[in-house]
Amino acid sequence: MTTTPSTTIVSNLRSLTSSTSNTLRSAGAAGMDVAGMLPLALSKANELKACLTLIVRAVDAADGNLQTLDNILASLT
């Protein structure tokens, strides 16, 4: 399985356009609010970045997780 960098995920979320009426109708029939879910996904990605920023500020420099958290934050920029 290949992985997609989070920078690509966030960039793709930002570049989404409105769904077609067929997509909205089909998703609506399945009980999904696609028009609402797509902006929500971007807001959650931004929320993740904000939460990680707060965590990094509190992590001790000797903590082994600091570098990993910094790498995740850098990829979300």
Protein backbone atom coordinates (compact mmCIF):
# COMPACT_ATOMS: atom_id res chain seq x y z
CA MET A 1 0.00 0.00 0.00
CA THR A 2 1.34 3.41 -0.92
CA THR A 3 0.88 6.46 1.28
CA THR A 4 -0.08 9.99 0.30
CA PRO A 5 1.81 12.80 2.00
CA SER A 6 -0.42 14.95 4.18
CA THR A 7 0.64 18.03 2.20
CA THR A 8 -1.00 16.45 -0.83
CA ILE A 9 -4.12 15.63 1.15
CA VAL A 10 -4.50 19.18 2.48
CA SER A 11 -3.74 20.71 -0.93
CA ASN A 12 -6.30 18.46 -2.57
CA LEU A 13 -8.92 19.34 0.04
CA ARG A 14 -8.31 23.04 -0.63
CA SER A 15 -8.67 22.61 -4.39
CA LEU A 16 -11.97 20.72 -4.33
CA THR A 17 -14.82 22.20 -6.31
CA SER A 18 -18.54 21.76 -5.79
CA SER A 19 -19.84 18.29 -6.46
CA THR A 20 -22.08 17.60 -9.44
CA SER A 21 -25.81 17.30 -8.93
CA ASN A 22 -25.56 13.58 -9.74
CA THR A 23 -22.97 13.09 -6.99
CA LEU A 24 -25.06 15.05 -4.50
CA ARG A 25 -28.22 13.13 -5.42
CA SER A 26 -26.51 9.76 -5.23
CA ALA A 27 -24.81 10.56 -1.93
CA GLY A 28 -28.05 12.00 -0.55
CA ALA A 29 -29.85 8.77 -1.40
CA ALA A 30 -27.22 6.94 0.66
CA GLY A 31 -27.71 9.37 3.56
CA MET A 32 -24.46 11.28 3.01
CA ASP A 33 -24.11 15.06 3.01
CA VAL A 34 -21.20 15.32 0.58
CA ALA A 35 -21.59 19.06 0.20
CA GLY A 36 -21.16 19.45 3.95
CA MET A 37 -18.58 16.72 4.46
CA LEU A 38 -15.94 18.10 2.09
CA PRO A 39 -15.55 21.48 3.82
CA LEU A 40 -15.71 19.66 7.15
CA ALA A 41 -12.76 17.47 6.10
CA LEU A 42 -10.67 20.57 5.35
CA SER A 43 -11.65 22.19 8.64
CA LYS A 44 -10.66 19.00 10.50
CA ALA A 45 -7.27 18.97 8.76
CA ASN A 46 -6.76 22.58 9.88
CA GLU A 47 -7.94 21.67 13.38
CA LEU A 48 -5.43 18.81 13.48
CA LYS A 49 -2.67 21.25 12.59
CA ALA A 50 -3.75 23.64 15.36
CA CYS A 51 -3.91 20.83 17.94
CA LEU A 52 -0.50 19.47 16.97
CA THR A 53 0.98 22.97 17.21
CA LEU A 54 -0.25 23.24 20.79
CA ILE A 55 1.09 19.79 21.64
CA VAL A 56 4.53 20.58 20.18
CA ARG A 57 4.75 23.69 22.34
CA ALA A 58 4.31 21.53 25.45
CA VAL A 59 6.58 18.63 24.44
CA ASP A 60 9.97 18.54 26.12
CA ALA A 61 12.97 18.72 23.78
CA ALA A 62 14.20 15.38 25.11
CA ASP A 63 10.92 13.67 24.20
CA GLY A 64 11.44 11.33 21.27
CA ASN A 65 8.04 12.26 19.85
CA LEU A 66 9.01 15.87 19.22
CA GLN A 67 10.75 15.17 15.91
CA THR A 68 7.85 13.07 14.66
CA LEU A 69 5.34 15.75 15.64
CA ASP A 70 7.48 18.41 13.93
CA ASN A 71 7.60 16.28 10.78
CA ILE A 72 3.81 15.88 10.79
CA LEU A 73 3.33 19.62 11.25
CA ALA A 74 5.76 20.41 8.46
CA SER A 75 3.81 18.14 6.13
CA LEU A 76 0.53 19.88 6.97
CA THR A 77 1.81 23.32 6.04
